Amino acid sequence: FMIQNSTSHNRVDELRELENEYRDILRNTIVREYLNA
């Protein structure tokens, strides 16, 4: 949320880094279902 609402010019890179940092949690089916819902 903070990255999406920032004025940073590197948002795409920051989001990519965030996804890499949380890769394991994002692969979890419970988390994935919650985020998709």
Full PDB file with SEQRES, HELIX, SHEET, SSBOND, CRYST1, ORIGX, SCALE, CONECT and MASTER records, all heavy atoms in Angstrom:
SEQRES   1 A   37  PHE MET ILE GLN ASN SER THR SER HIS ASN ARG VAL ASP          
SEQRES   2 A   37  GLU LEU ARG GLU LEU GLU ASN GLU TYR ARG ASP ILE LEU          
SEQRES   3 A   37  ARG ASN THR ILE VAL ARG GLU TYR LEU ASN ALA                  
HELIX    1 AA1 ARG A   11  GLU A   21  1                                  11    
HELIX    2 AA2 ARG A   23  ARG A   27  1                                   5    
HELIX    3 AA3 THR A   29  ASN A   36  1                                   8    
CRYST1    1.000    1.000    1.000  90.00  90.00  90.00 P 1           1          
ORIGX1      1.000000  0.000000  0.000000        0.00000                         
ORIGX2      0.000000  1.000000  0.000000        0.00000                         
ORIGX3      0.000000  0.000000  1.000000        0.00000                         
SCALE1      1.000000  0.000000  0.000000        0.00000                         
SCALE2      0.000000  1.000000  0.000000        0.00000                         
SCALE3      0.000000  0.000000  1.000000        0.00000                         
ATOM      1  N   PHE A   1       0.828  -1.205   0.000  1.00  0.00           N  
ATOM      2  CA  PHE A   1       0.000   0.000   0.000  1.00  0.00           C  
ATOM      3  C   PHE A   1       0.865   1.258   0.000  1.00  0.00           C  
ATOM      4  O   PHE A   1       0.605   2.204  -0.744  1.00  0.00           O  
ATOM      5  CB  PHE A   1      -0.937  -0.009   1.207  1.00  0.00           C  
ATOM      6  CG  PHE A   1      -1.797   1.215   1.310  1.00  0.00           C  
ATOM      7  CD1 PHE A   1      -2.983   1.297   0.603  1.00  0.00           C  
ATOM      8  CD2 PHE A   1      -1.423   2.281   2.112  1.00  0.00           C  
ATOM      9  CE1 PHE A   1      -3.780   2.441   0.684  1.00  0.00           C  
ATOM     10  CE2 PHE A   1      -2.210   3.426   2.208  1.00  0.00           C  
ATOM     11  CZ  PHE A   1      -3.391   3.501   1.491  1.00  0.00           C  
ATOM     12  N   MET A   2       1.883   1.259   0.835  1.00  0.00           N  
ATOM     13  CA  MET A   2       2.756   2.427   0.940  1.00  0.00           C  
ATOM     14  C   MET A   2       3.485   2.680  -0.386  1.00  0.00           C  
ATOM     15  O   MET A   2       3.591   3.825  -0.822  1.00  0.00           O  
ATOM     16  CB  MET A   2       3.761   2.261   2.081  1.00  0.00           C  
ATOM     17  CG  MET A   2       3.119   2.153   3.456  1.00  0.00           C  
ATOM     18  SD  MET A   2       2.032   3.527   3.873  1.00  0.00           S  
ATOM     19  CE  MET A   2       3.238   4.815   4.121  1.00  0.00           C  
ATOM     20  N   ILE A   3       3.957   1.626  -1.021  1.00  0.00           N  
ATOM     21  CA  ILE A   3       4.641   1.782  -2.305  1.00  0.00           C  
ATOM     22  C   ILE A   3       3.661   2.269  -3.371  1.00  0.00           C  
ATOM     23  O   ILE A   3       3.962   3.191  -4.133  1.00  0.00           O  
ATOM     24  CB  ILE A   3       5.314   0.464  -2.747  1.00  0.00           C  
ATOM     25  CG1 ILE A   3       6.464   0.113  -1.790  1.00  0.00           C  
ATOM     26  CG2 ILE A   3       5.804   0.560  -4.188  1.00  0.00           C  
ATOM     27  CD1 ILE A   3       7.017  -1.284  -1.980  1.00  0.00           C  
ATOM     28  N   GLN A   4       2.482   1.656  -3.416  1.00  0.00           N  
ATOM     29  CA  GLN A   4       1.482   2.028  -4.426  1.00  0.00           C  
ATOM     30  C   GLN A   4       1.087   3.496  -4.310  1.00  0.00           C  
ATOM     31  O   GLN A   4       0.767   4.140  -5.309  1.00  0.00           O  
ATOM     32  CB  GLN A   4       0.224   1.164  -4.281  1.00  0.00           C  
ATOM     33  CG  GLN A   4       0.422  -0.287  -4.590  1.00  0.00           C  
ATOM     34  CD  GLN A   4       0.468  -0.592  -6.073  1.00  0.00           C  
ATOM     35  OE1 GLN A   4       0.167   0.250  -6.907  1.00  0.00           O  
ATOM     36  NE2 GLN A   4       0.858  -1.801  -6.411  1.00  0.00           N  
ATOM     37  N   ASN A   5       1.100   4.022  -3.103  1.00  0.00           N  
ATOM     38  CA  ASN A   5       0.661   5.394  -2.871  1.00  0.00           C  
ATOM     39  C   ASN A   5       1.816   6.381  -2.699  1.00  0.00           C  
ATOM     40  O   ASN A   5       1.598   7.520  -2.305  1.00  0.00           O  
ATOM     41  CB  ASN A   5      -0.278   5.445  -1.660  1.00  0.00           C  
ATOM     42  CG  ASN A   5      -1.585   4.772  -1.973  1.00  0.00           C  
ATOM     43  OD1 ASN A   5      -2.377   5.275  -2.745  1.00  0.00           O  
ATOM     44  ND2 ASN A   5      -1.787   3.597  -1.407  1.00  0.00           N  
ATOM     45  N   SER A   6       3.011   5.948  -3.015  1.00  0.00           N  
ATOM     46  CA  SER A   6       4.167   6.832  -2.895  1.00  0.00           C  
ATOM     47  C   SER A   6       4.345   7.632  -4.181  1.00  0.00           C  
ATOM     48  O   SER A   6       3.740   7.330  -5.210  1.00  0.00           O  
ATOM     49  CB  SER A   6       5.434   6.031  -2.597  1.00  0.00           C  
ATOM     50  OG  SER A   6       5.900   5.380  -3.757  1.00  0.00           O  
ATOM     51  N   THR A   7       5.186   8.605  -4.103  1.00  0.00           N  
ATOM     52  CA  THR A   7       5.504   9.409  -5.286  1.00  0.00           C  
ATOM     53  C   THR A   7       6.848   8.997  -5.881  1.00  0.00           C  
ATOM     54  O   THR A   7       7.378   9.682  -6.740  1.00  0.00           O  
ATOM     55  CB  THR A   7       5.532  10.912  -4.926  1.00  0.00           C  
ATOM     56  OG1 THR A   7       6.483  11.114  -3.886  1.00  0.00           O  
ATOM     57  CG2 THR A   7       4.157  11.397  -4.501  1.00  0.00           C  
ATOM     58  N   SER A   8       7.356   7.878  -5.417  1.00  0.00           N  
ATOM     59  CA  SER A   8       8.649   7.381  -5.882  1.00  0.00           C  
ATOM     60  C   SER A   8       8.614   7.082  -7.378  1.00  0.00           C  
ATOM     61  O   SER A   8       7.609   6.615  -7.915  1.00  0.00           O  
ATOM     62  CB  SER A   8       9.006   6.104  -5.122  1.00  0.00           C  
ATOM     63  OG  SER A   8      10.136   5.488  -5.693  1.00  0.00           O  
ATOM     64  N   HIS A   9       9.726   7.349  -8.026  1.00  0.00           N  
ATOM     65  CA  HIS A   9       9.839   7.043  -9.453  1.00  0.00           C  
ATOM     66  C   HIS A   9      10.278   5.598  -9.678  1.00  0.00           C  
ATOM     67  O   HIS A   9      10.332   5.134 -10.816  1.00  0.00           O  
ATOM     68  CB  HIS A   9      10.837   7.991 -10.120  1.00  0.00           C  
ATOM     69  CG  HIS A   9      10.401   9.411 -10.067  1.00  0.00           C  
ATOM     70  ND1 HIS A   9       9.334   9.898 -10.787  1.00  0.00           N  
ATOM     71  CD2 HIS A   9      10.875  10.467  -9.359  1.00  0.00           C  
ATOM     72  CE1 HIS A   9       9.167  11.178 -10.541  1.00  0.00           C  
ATOM     73  NE2 HIS A   9      10.089  11.557  -9.674  1.00  0.00           N  
ATOM     74  N   ASN A  10      10.576   4.892  -8.600  1.00  0.00           N  
ATOM     75  CA  ASN A  10      11.055   3.511  -8.690  1.00  0.00           C  
ATOM     76  C   ASN A  10      10.026   2.516  -8.184  1.00  0.00           C  
ATOM     77  O   ASN A  10      10.380   1.451  -7.695  1.00  0.00           O  
ATOM     78  CB  ASN A  10      12.352   3.358  -7.875  1.00  0.00           C  
ATOM     79  CG  ASN A  10      13.449   4.244  -8.394  1.00  0.00           C  
ATOM     80  OD1 ASN A  10      13.584   4.425  -9.592  1.00  0.00           O  
ATOM     81  ND2 ASN A  10      14.225   4.810  -7.490  1.00  0.00           N  
ATOM     82  N   ARG A  11       8.748   2.855  -8.284  1.00  0.00           N  
ATOM     83  CA  ARG A  11       7.712   1.988  -7.719  1.00  0.00           C  
ATOM     84  C   ARG A  11       7.745   0.578  -8.285  1.00  0.00           C  
ATOM     85  O   ARG A  11       7.576  -0.382  -7.553  1.00  0.00           O  
ATOM     86  CB  ARG A  11       6.325   2.596  -7.907  1.00  0.00           C  
ATOM     87  CG  ARG A  11       6.026   3.651  -6.882  1.00  0.00           C  
ATOM     88  CD  ARG A  11       4.591   4.041  -6.918  1.00  0.00           C  
ATOM     89  NE  ARG A  11       4.360   4.788  -8.147  1.00  0.00           N  
ATOM     90  CZ  ARG A  11       3.204   5.310  -8.488  1.00  0.00           C  
ATOM     91  NH1 ARG A  11       2.174   5.165  -7.707  1.00  0.00           N  
ATOM     92  NH2 ARG A  11       3.059   5.975  -9.606  1.00  0.00           N  
ATOM     93  N   VAL A  12       7.954   0.451  -9.575  1.00  0.00           N  
ATOM     94  CA  VAL A  12       7.970  -0.880 -10.192  1.00  0.00           C  
ATOM     95  C   VAL A  12       9.090  -1.713  -9.577  1.00  0.00           C  
ATOM     96  O   VAL A  12       8.887  -2.872  -9.205  1.00  0.00           O  
ATOM     97  CB  VAL A  12       8.113  -0.782 -11.730  1.00  0.00           C  
ATOM     98  CG1 VAL A  12       8.333  -2.148 -12.341  1.00  0.00           C  
ATOM     99  CG2 VAL A  12       6.900  -0.102 -12.334  1.00  0.00           C  
ATOM    100  N   ASP A  13      10.269  -1.117  -9.454  1.00  0.00           N  
ATOM    101  CA  ASP A  13      11.396  -1.827  -8.841  1.00  0.00           C  
ATOM    102  C   ASP A  13      11.116  -2.143  -7.378  1.00  0.00           C  
ATOM    103  O   ASP A  13      11.428  -3.229  -6.889  1.00  0.00           O  
ATOM    104  CB  ASP A  13      12.679  -1.006  -8.956  1.00  0.00           C  
ATOM    105  CG  ASP A  13      13.150  -0.861 -10.389  1.00  0.00           C  
ATOM    106  OD1 ASP A  13      12.829  -1.736 -11.217  1.00  0.00           O  
ATOM    107  OD2 ASP A  13      13.842   0.135 -10.683  1.00  0.00           O  
ATOM    108  N   GLU A  14      10.531  -1.192  -6.667  1.00  0.00           N  
ATOM    109  CA  GLU A  14      10.217  -1.397  -5.253  1.00  0.00           C  
ATOM    110  C   GLU A  14       9.193  -2.515  -5.068  1.00  0.00           C  
ATOM    111  O   GLU A  14       9.307  -3.335  -4.154  1.00  0.00           O  
ATOM    112  CB  GLU A  14       9.703  -0.105  -4.623  1.00  0.00           C  
ATOM    113  CG  GLU A  14      10.770   0.961  -4.496  1.00  0.00           C  
ATOM    114  CD  GLU A  14      10.224   2.299  -4.033  1.00  0.00           C  
ATOM    115  OE1 GLU A  14       9.071   2.355  -3.548  1.00  0.00           O  
ATOM    116  OE2 GLU A  14      10.951   3.293  -4.161  1.00  0.00           O  
ATOM    117  N   LEU A  15       8.204  -2.566  -5.944  1.00  0.00           N  
ATOM    118  CA  LEU A  15       7.204  -3.638  -5.870  1.00  0.00           C  
ATOM    119  C   LEU A  15       7.828  -4.988  -6.184  1.00  0.00           C  
ATOM    120  O   LEU A  15       7.502  -5.999  -5.550  1.00  0.00           O  
ATOM    121  CB  LEU A  15       6.036  -3.348  -6.820  1.00  0.00           C  
ATOM    122  CG  LEU A  15       5.098  -2.244  -6.363  1.00  0.00           C  
ATOM    123  CD1 LEU A  15       4.139  -1.863  -7.490  1.00  0.00           C  
ATOM    124  CD2 LEU A  15       4.329  -2.659  -5.123  1.00  0.00           C  
ATOM    125  N   ARG A  16       8.739  -5.001  -7.143  1.00  0.00           N  
ATOM    126  CA  ARG A  16       9.442  -6.236  -7.485  1.00  0.00           C  
ATOM    127  C   ARG A  16      10.263  -6.728  -6.288  1.00  0.00           C  
ATOM    128  O   ARG A  16      10.247  -7.917  -5.958  1.00  0.00           O  
ATOM    129  CB  ARG A  16      10.340  -5.988  -8.693  1.00  0.00           C  
ATOM    130  CG  ARG A  16      10.481  -7.217  -9.568  1.00  0.00           C  
ATOM    131  CD  ARG A  16      11.245  -6.937 -10.847  1.00  0.00           C  
ATOM    132  NE  ARG A  16      10.351  -6.378 -11.855  1.00  0.00           N  
ATOM    133  CZ  ARG A  16      10.602  -5.294 -12.580  1.00  0.00           C  
ATOM    134  NH1 ARG A  16      11.716  -4.636 -12.435  1.00  0.00           N  
ATOM    135  NH2 ARG A  16       9.748  -4.865 -13.469  1.00  0.00           N  
ATOM    136  N   GLU A  17      10.958  -5.802  -5.642  1.00  0.00           N  
ATOM    137  CA  GLU A  17      11.742  -6.145  -4.448  1.00  0.00           C  
ATOM    138  C   GLU A  17      10.845  -6.659  -3.326  1.00  0.00           C  
ATOM    139  O   GLU A  17      11.187  -7.626  -2.639  1.00  0.00           O  
ATOM    140  CB  GLU A  17      12.526  -4.931  -3.958  1.00  0.00           C  
ATOM    141  CG  GLU A  17      13.696  -4.556  -4.827  1.00  0.00           C  
ATOM    142  CD  GLU A  17      14.375  -3.274  -4.369  1.00  0.00           C  
ATOM    143  OE1 GLU A  17      14.266  -2.919  -3.174  1.00  0.00           O  
ATOM    144  OE2 GLU A  17      15.020  -2.619  -5.212  1.00  0.00           O  
ATOM    145  N   LEU A  18       9.705  -6.006  -3.155  1.00  0.00           N  
ATOM    146  CA  LEU A  18       8.763  -6.432  -2.117  1.00  0.00           C  
ATOM    147  C   LEU A  18       8.279  -7.853  -2.391  1.00  0.00           C  
ATOM    148  O   LEU A  18       8.222  -8.687  -1.481  1.00  0.00           O  
ATOM    149  CB  LEU A  18       7.580  -5.465  -2.065  1.00  0.00           C  
ATOM    150  CG  LEU A  18       6.512  -5.782  -1.019  1.00  0.00           C  
ATOM    151  CD1 LEU A  18       7.077  -5.637   0.387  1.00  0.00           C  
ATOM    152  CD2 LEU A  18       5.302  -4.873  -1.210  1.00  0.00           C  
ATOM    153  N   GLU A  19       7.930  -8.139  -3.626  1.00  0.00           N  
ATOM    154  CA  GLU A  19       7.470  -9.481  -3.972  1.00  0.00           C  
ATOM    155  C   GLU A  19       8.571 -10.511  -3.763  1.00  0.00           C  
ATOM    156  O   GLU A  19       8.293 -11.632  -3.331  1.00  0.00           O  
ATOM    157  CB  GLU A  19       6.930  -9.513  -5.396  1.00  0.00           C  
ATOM    158  CG  GLU A  19       5.599  -8.816  -5.506  1.00  0.00           C  
ATOM    159  CD  GLU A  19       4.973  -8.908  -6.883  1.00  0.00           C  
ATOM    160  OE1 GLU A  19       5.437  -9.717  -7.721  1.00  0.00           O  
ATOM    161  OE2 GLU A  19       4.013  -8.165  -7.118  1.00  0.00           O  
ATOM    162  N   ASN A  20       9.806 -10.148  -4.066  1.00  0.00           N  
ATOM    163  CA  ASN A  20      10.921 -11.065  -3.810  1.00  0.00           C  
ATOM    164  C   ASN A  20      11.098 -11.301  -2.314  1.00  0.00           C  
ATOM    165  O   ASN A  20      11.341 -12.418  -1.883  1.00  0.00           O  
ATOM    166  CB  ASN A  20      12.217 -10.524  -4.417  1.00  0.00           C  
ATOM    167  CG  ASN A  20      12.252 -10.692  -5.914  1.00  0.00           C  
ATOM    168  OD1 ASN A  20      11.610 -11.570  -6.474  1.00  0.00           O  
ATOM    169  ND2 ASN A  20      12.993  -9.828  -6.575  1.00  0.00           N  
ATOM    170  N   GLU A  21      10.985 -10.242  -1.534  1.00  0.00           N  
ATOM    171  CA  GLU A  21      11.143 -10.343  -0.077  1.00  0.00           C  
ATOM    172  C   GLU A  21      10.072 -11.242   0.540  1.00  0.00           C  
ATOM    173  O   GLU A  21      10.344 -11.993   1.480  1.00  0.00           O  
ATOM    174  CB  GLU A  21      11.061  -8.944   0.539  1.00  0.00           C  
ATOM    175  CG  GLU A  21      11.210  -8.914   2.046  1.00  0.00           C  
ATOM    176  CD  GLU A  21      11.069  -7.518   2.626  1.00  0.00           C  
ATOM    177  OE1 GLU A  21      11.067  -6.522   1.871  1.00  0.00           O  
ATOM    178  OE2 GLU A  21      10.965  -7.428   3.859  1.00  0.00           O  
ATOM    179  N   TYR A  22       8.857 -11.178   0.008  1.00  0.00           N  
ATOM    180  CA  TYR A  22       7.732 -11.934   0.564  1.00  0.00           C  
ATOM    181  C   TYR A  22       7.337 -13.125  -0.312  1.00  0.00           C  
ATOM    182  O   TYR A  22       6.237 -13.643  -0.196  1.00  0.00           O  
ATOM    183  CB  TYR A  22       6.532 -11.009   0.776  1.00  0.00           C  
ATOM    184  CG  TYR A  22       6.716 -10.083   1.953  1.00  0.00           C  
ATOM    185  CD1 TYR A  22       7.370  -8.873   1.823  1.00  0.00           C  
ATOM    186  CD2 TYR A  22       6.245 -10.445   3.218  1.00  0.00           C  
ATOM    187  CE1 TYR A  22       7.557  -8.027   2.908  1.00  0.00           C  
ATOM    188  CE2 TYR A  22       6.416  -9.614   4.310  1.00  0.00           C  
ATOM    189  CZ  TYR A  22       7.074  -8.406   4.143  1.00  0.00           C  
ATOM    190  OH  TYR A  22       7.259  -7.579   5.225  1.00  0.00           O  
ATOM    191  N   ARG A  23       8.264 -13.560  -1.161  1.00  0.00           N  
ATOM    192  CA  ARG A  23       7.972 -14.633  -2.115  1.00  0.00           C  
ATOM    193  C   ARG A  23       7.380 -15.872  -1.439  1.00  0.00           C  
ATOM    194  O   ARG A  23       6.374 -16.421  -1.886  1.00  0.00           O  
ATOM    195  CB  ARG A  23       9.232 -15.014  -2.880  1.00  0.00           C  
ATOM    196  CG  ARG A  23       8.993 -16.140  -3.896  1.00  0.00           C  
ATOM    197  CD  ARG A  23      10.221 -16.454  -4.694  1.00  0.00           C  
ATOM    198  NE  ARG A  23      10.612 -15.257  -5.445  1.00  0.00           N  
ATOM    199  CZ  ARG A  23      11.873 -14.864  -5.615  1.00  0.00           C  
ATOM    200  NH1 ARG A  23      12.855 -15.560  -5.120  1.00  0.00           N  
ATOM    201  NH2 ARG A  23      12.144 -13.789  -6.301  1.00  0.00           N  
ATOM    202  N   ASP A  24       7.995 -16.314  -0.348  1.00  0.00           N  
ATOM    203  CA  ASP A  24       7.518 -17.532   0.319  1.00  0.00           C  
ATOM    204  C   ASP A  24       6.095 -17.379   0.840  1.00  0.00           C  
ATOM    205  O   ASP A  24       5.261 -18.273   0.684  1.00  0.00           O  
ATOM    206  CB  ASP A  24       8.456 -17.919   1.461  1.00  0.00           C  
ATOM    207  CG  ASP A  24       9.802 -18.406   0.962  1.00  0.00           C  
ATOM    208  OD1 ASP A  24       9.893 -18.792  -0.221  1.00  0.00           O  
ATOM    209  OD2 ASP A  24      10.758 -18.381   1.751  1.00  0.00           O  
ATOM    210  N   ILE A  25       5.819 -16.255   1.455  1.00  0.00           N  
ATOM    211  CA  ILE A  25       4.479 -16.035   2.024  1.00  0.00           C  
ATOM    212  C   ILE A  25       3.442 -15.909   0.907  1.00  0.00           C  
ATOM    213  O   ILE A  25       2.308 -16.353   1.053  1.00  0.00           O  
ATOM    214  CB  ILE A  25       4.462 -14.820   2.971  1.00  0.00           C  
ATOM    215  CG1 ILE A  25       3.276 -14.890   3.904  1.00  0.00           C  
ATOM    216  CG2 ILE A  25       4.404 -13.516   2.272  1.00  0.00           C  
ATOM    217  CD1 ILE A  25       3.665 -15.193   5.283  1.00  0.00           C  
ATOM    218  N   LEU A  26       3.836 -15.312  -0.210  1.00  0.00           N  
ATOM    219  CA  LEU A  26       2.905 -15.131  -1.317  1.00  0.00           C  
ATOM    220  C   LEU A  26       2.577 -16.443  -2.028  1.00  0.00           C  
ATOM    221  O   LEU A  26       1.570 -16.538  -2.723  1.00  0.00           O  
ATOM    222  CB  LEU A  26       3.460 -14.112  -2.320  1.00  0.00           C  
ATOM    223  CG  LEU A  26       3.602 -12.688  -1.785  1.00  0.00           C  
ATOM    224  CD1 LEU A  26       4.313 -11.803  -2.808  1.00  0.00           C  
ATOM    225  CD2 LEU A  26       2.253 -12.106  -1.410  1.00  0.00           C  
ATOM    226  N   ARG A  27       3.401 -17.437  -1.834  1.00  0.00           N  
ATOM    227  CA  ARG A  27       3.142 -18.764  -2.421  1.00  0.00           C  
ATOM    228  C   ARG A  27       2.196 -19.594  -1.568  1.00  0.00           C  
ATOM    229  O   ARG A  27       1.664 -20.597  -2.031  1.00  0.00           O  
ATOM    230  CB  ARG A  27       4.454 -19.526  -2.599  1.00  0.00           C  
ATOM    231  CG  ARG A  27       5.294 -18.975  -3.711  1.00  0.00           C  
ATOM    232  CD  ARG A  27       6.549 -19.777  -3.884  1.00  0.00           C  
ATOM    233  NE  ARG A  27       7.341 -19.253  -4.990  1.00  0.00           N  
ATOM    234  CZ  ARG A  27       8.616 -19.486  -5.153  1.00  0.00           C  
ATOM    235  NH1 ARG A  27       9.273 -20.236  -4.291  1.00  0.00           N  
ATOM    236  NH2 ARG A  27       9.257 -18.964  -6.173  1.00  0.00           N  
ATOM    237  N   ASN A  28       1.990 -19.172  -0.346  1.00  0.00           N  
ATOM    238  CA  ASN A  28       1.107 -19.893   0.570  1.00  0.00           C  
ATOM    239  C   ASN A  28      -0.334 -19.784   0.060  1.00  0.00           C  
ATOM    240  O   ASN A  28      -0.813 -18.688  -0.238  1.00  0.00           O  
ATOM    241  CB  ASN A  28       1.230 -19.305   1.975  1.00  0.00           C  
ATOM    242  CG  ASN A  28       0.376 -20.022   2.965  1.00  0.00           C  
ATOM    243  OD1 ASN A  28      -0.840 -19.867   2.968  1.00  0.00           O  
ATOM    244  ND2 ASN A  28       1.016 -20.813   3.811  1.00  0.00           N  
ATOM    245  N   THR A  29      -1.037 -20.903  -0.035  1.00  0.00           N  
ATOM    246  CA  THR A  29      -2.384 -20.903  -0.608  1.00  0.00           C  
ATOM    247  C   THR A  29      -3.377 -20.090   0.230  1.00  0.00           C  
ATOM    248  O   THR A  29      -4.281 -19.474  -0.323  1.00  0.00           O  
ATOM    249  CB  THR A  29      -2.909 -22.340  -0.790  1.00  0.00           C  
ATOM    250  OG1 THR A  29      -2.862 -23.023   0.463  1.00  0.00           O  
ATOM    251  CG2 THR A  29      -2.103 -23.089  -1.819  1.00  0.00           C  
ATOM    252  N   ILE A  30      -3.210 -20.072   1.543  1.00  0.00           N  
ATOM    253  CA  ILE A  30      -4.119 -19.316   2.406  1.00  0.00           C  
ATOM    254  C   ILE A  30      -3.934 -17.816   2.163  1.00  0.00           C  
ATOM    255  O   ILE A  30      -4.908 -17.078   2.023  1.00  0.00           O  
ATOM    256  CB  ILE A  30      -3.884 -19.680   3.892  1.00  0.00           C  
ATOM    257  CG1 ILE A  30      -4.256 -21.136   4.138  1.00  0.00           C  
ATOM    258  CG2 ILE A  30      -4.676 -18.744   4.812  1.00  0.00           C  
ATOM    259  CD1 ILE A  30      -3.815 -21.669   5.497  1.00  0.00           C  
ATOM    260  N   VAL A  31      -2.690 -17.376   2.098  1.00  0.00           N  
ATOM    261  CA  VAL A  31      -2.392 -15.964   1.846  1.00  0.00           C  
ATOM    262  C   VAL A  31      -2.826 -15.584   0.444  1.00  0.00           C  
ATOM    263  O   VAL A  31      -3.455 -14.536   0.226  1.00  0.00           O  
ATOM    264  CB  VAL A  31      -0.886 -15.667   2.054  1.00  0.00           C  
ATOM    265  CG1 VAL A  31      -0.543 -14.253   1.606  1.00  0.00           C  
ATOM    266  CG2 VAL A  31      -0.497 -15.883   3.501  1.00  0.00           C  
ATOM    267  N   ARG A  32      -2.518 -16.427  -0.513  1.00  0.00           N  
ATOM    268  CA  ARG A  32      -2.870 -16.143  -1.903  1.00  0.00           C  
ATOM    269  C   ARG A  32      -4.390 -16.014  -2.067  1.00  0.00           C  
ATOM    270  O   ARG A  32      -4.874 -15.099  -2.736  1.00  0.00           O  
ATOM    271  CB  ARG A  32      -2.310 -17.230  -2.826  1.00  0.00           C  
ATOM    272  CG  ARG A  32      -2.218 -16.790  -4.258  1.00  0.00           C  
ATOM    273  CD  ARG A  32      -1.408 -17.712  -5.143  1.00  0.00           C  
ATOM    274  NE  ARG A  32      -1.864 -19.085  -5.105  1.00  0.00           N  
ATOM    275  CZ  ARG A  32      -1.122 -20.116  -4.649  1.00  0.00           C  
ATOM    276  NH1 ARG A  32       0.102 -19.918  -4.226  1.00  0.00           N  
ATOM    277  NH2 ARG A  32      -1.601 -21.335  -4.642  1.00  0.00           N  
ATOM    278  N   GLU A  33      -5.146 -16.893  -1.437  1.00  0.00           N  
ATOM    279  CA  GLU A  33      -6.611 -16.807  -1.523  1.00  0.00           C  
ATOM    280  C   GLU A  33      -7.112 -15.517  -0.890  1.00  0.00           C  
ATOM    281  O   GLU A  33      -7.999 -14.853  -1.422  1.00  0.00           O  
ATOM    282  CB  GLU A  33      -7.264 -18.017  -0.854  1.00  0.00           C  
ATOM    283  CG  GLU A  33      -8.777 -17.919  -0.696  1.00  0.00           C  
ATOM    284  CD  GLU A  33      -9.555 -17.688  -1.989  1.00  0.00           C  
ATOM    285  OE1 GLU A  33      -9.043 -17.951  -3.107  1.00  0.00           O  
ATOM    286  OE2 GLU A  33     -10.708 -17.224  -1.888  1.00  0.00           O  
ATOM    287  N   TYR A  34      -6.537 -15.151   0.254  1.00  0.00           N  
ATOM    288  CA  TYR A  34      -6.943 -13.906   0.904  1.00  0.00           C  
ATOM    289  C   TYR A  34      -6.644 -12.700   0.016  1.00  0.00           C  
ATOM    290  O   TYR A  34      -7.513 -11.834  -0.184  1.00  0.00           O  
ATOM    291  CB  TYR A  34      -6.242 -13.747   2.256  1.00  0.00           C  
ATOM    292  CG  TYR A  34      -6.487 -12.402   2.869  1.00  0.00           C  
ATOM    293  CD1 TYR A  34      -7.733 -12.084   3.399  1.00  0.00           C  
ATOM    294  CD2 TYR A  34      -5.495 -11.426   2.879  1.00  0.00           C  
ATOM    295  CE1 TYR A  34      -7.974 -10.828   3.938  1.00  0.00           C  
ATOM    296  CE2 TYR A  34      -5.732 -10.175   3.414  1.00  0.00           C  
ATOM    297  CZ  TYR A  34      -6.966  -9.884   3.942  1.00  0.00           C  
ATOM    298  OH  TYR A  34      -7.198  -8.640   4.467  1.00  0.00           O  
ATOM    299  N   LEU A  35      -5.440 -12.610  -0.515  1.00  0.00           N  
ATOM    300  CA  LEU A  35      -5.065 -11.471  -1.349  1.00  0.00           C  
ATOM    301  C   LEU A  35      -5.902 -11.412  -2.628  1.00  0.00           C  
ATOM    302  O   LEU A  35      -6.301 -10.330  -3.069  1.00  0.00           O  
ATOM    303  CB  LEU A  35      -3.567 -11.508  -1.672  1.00  0.00           C  
ATOM    304  CG  LEU A  35      -2.632 -11.315  -0.476  1.00  0.00           C  
ATOM    305  CD1 LEU A  35      -1.182 -11.509  -0.898  1.00  0.00           C  
ATOM    306  CD2 LEU A  35      -2.847  -9.961   0.190  1.00  0.00           C  
ATOM    307  N   ASN A  36      -6.189 -12.571  -3.218  1.00  0.00           N  
ATOM    308  CA  ASN A  36      -7.031 -12.605  -4.411  1.00  0.00           C  
ATOM    309  C   ASN A  36      -8.459 -12.174  -4.096  1.00  0.00           C  
ATOM    310  O   ASN A  36      -9.071 -11.425  -4.859  1.00  0.00           O  
ATOM    311  CB  ASN A  36      -7.025 -13.994  -5.047  1.00  0.00           C  
ATOM    312  CG  ASN A  36      -5.722 -14.320  -5.732  1.00  0.00           C  
ATOM    313  OD1 ASN A  36      -4.958 -13.436  -6.096  1.00  0.00           O  
ATOM    314  ND2 ASN A  36      -5.444 -15.604  -5.890  1.00  0.00           N  
ATOM    315  N   ALA A  37      -8.990 -12.628  -2.966  1.00  0.00           N  
ATOM    316  CA  ALA A  37     -10.345 -12.257  -2.564  1.00  0.00           C  
ATOM    317  C   ALA A  37     -10.424 -10.765  -2.248  1.00  0.00           C  
ATOM    318  O   ALA A  37     -11.392 -10.089  -2.608  1.00  0.00           O  
ATOM    319  CB  ALA A  37     -10.783 -13.085  -1.357  1.00  0.00           C  
TER     320      ALA A  37                                                      
MASTER        0    0    0    3    0    0    0    6  319    1    0    3          
END                                                                             
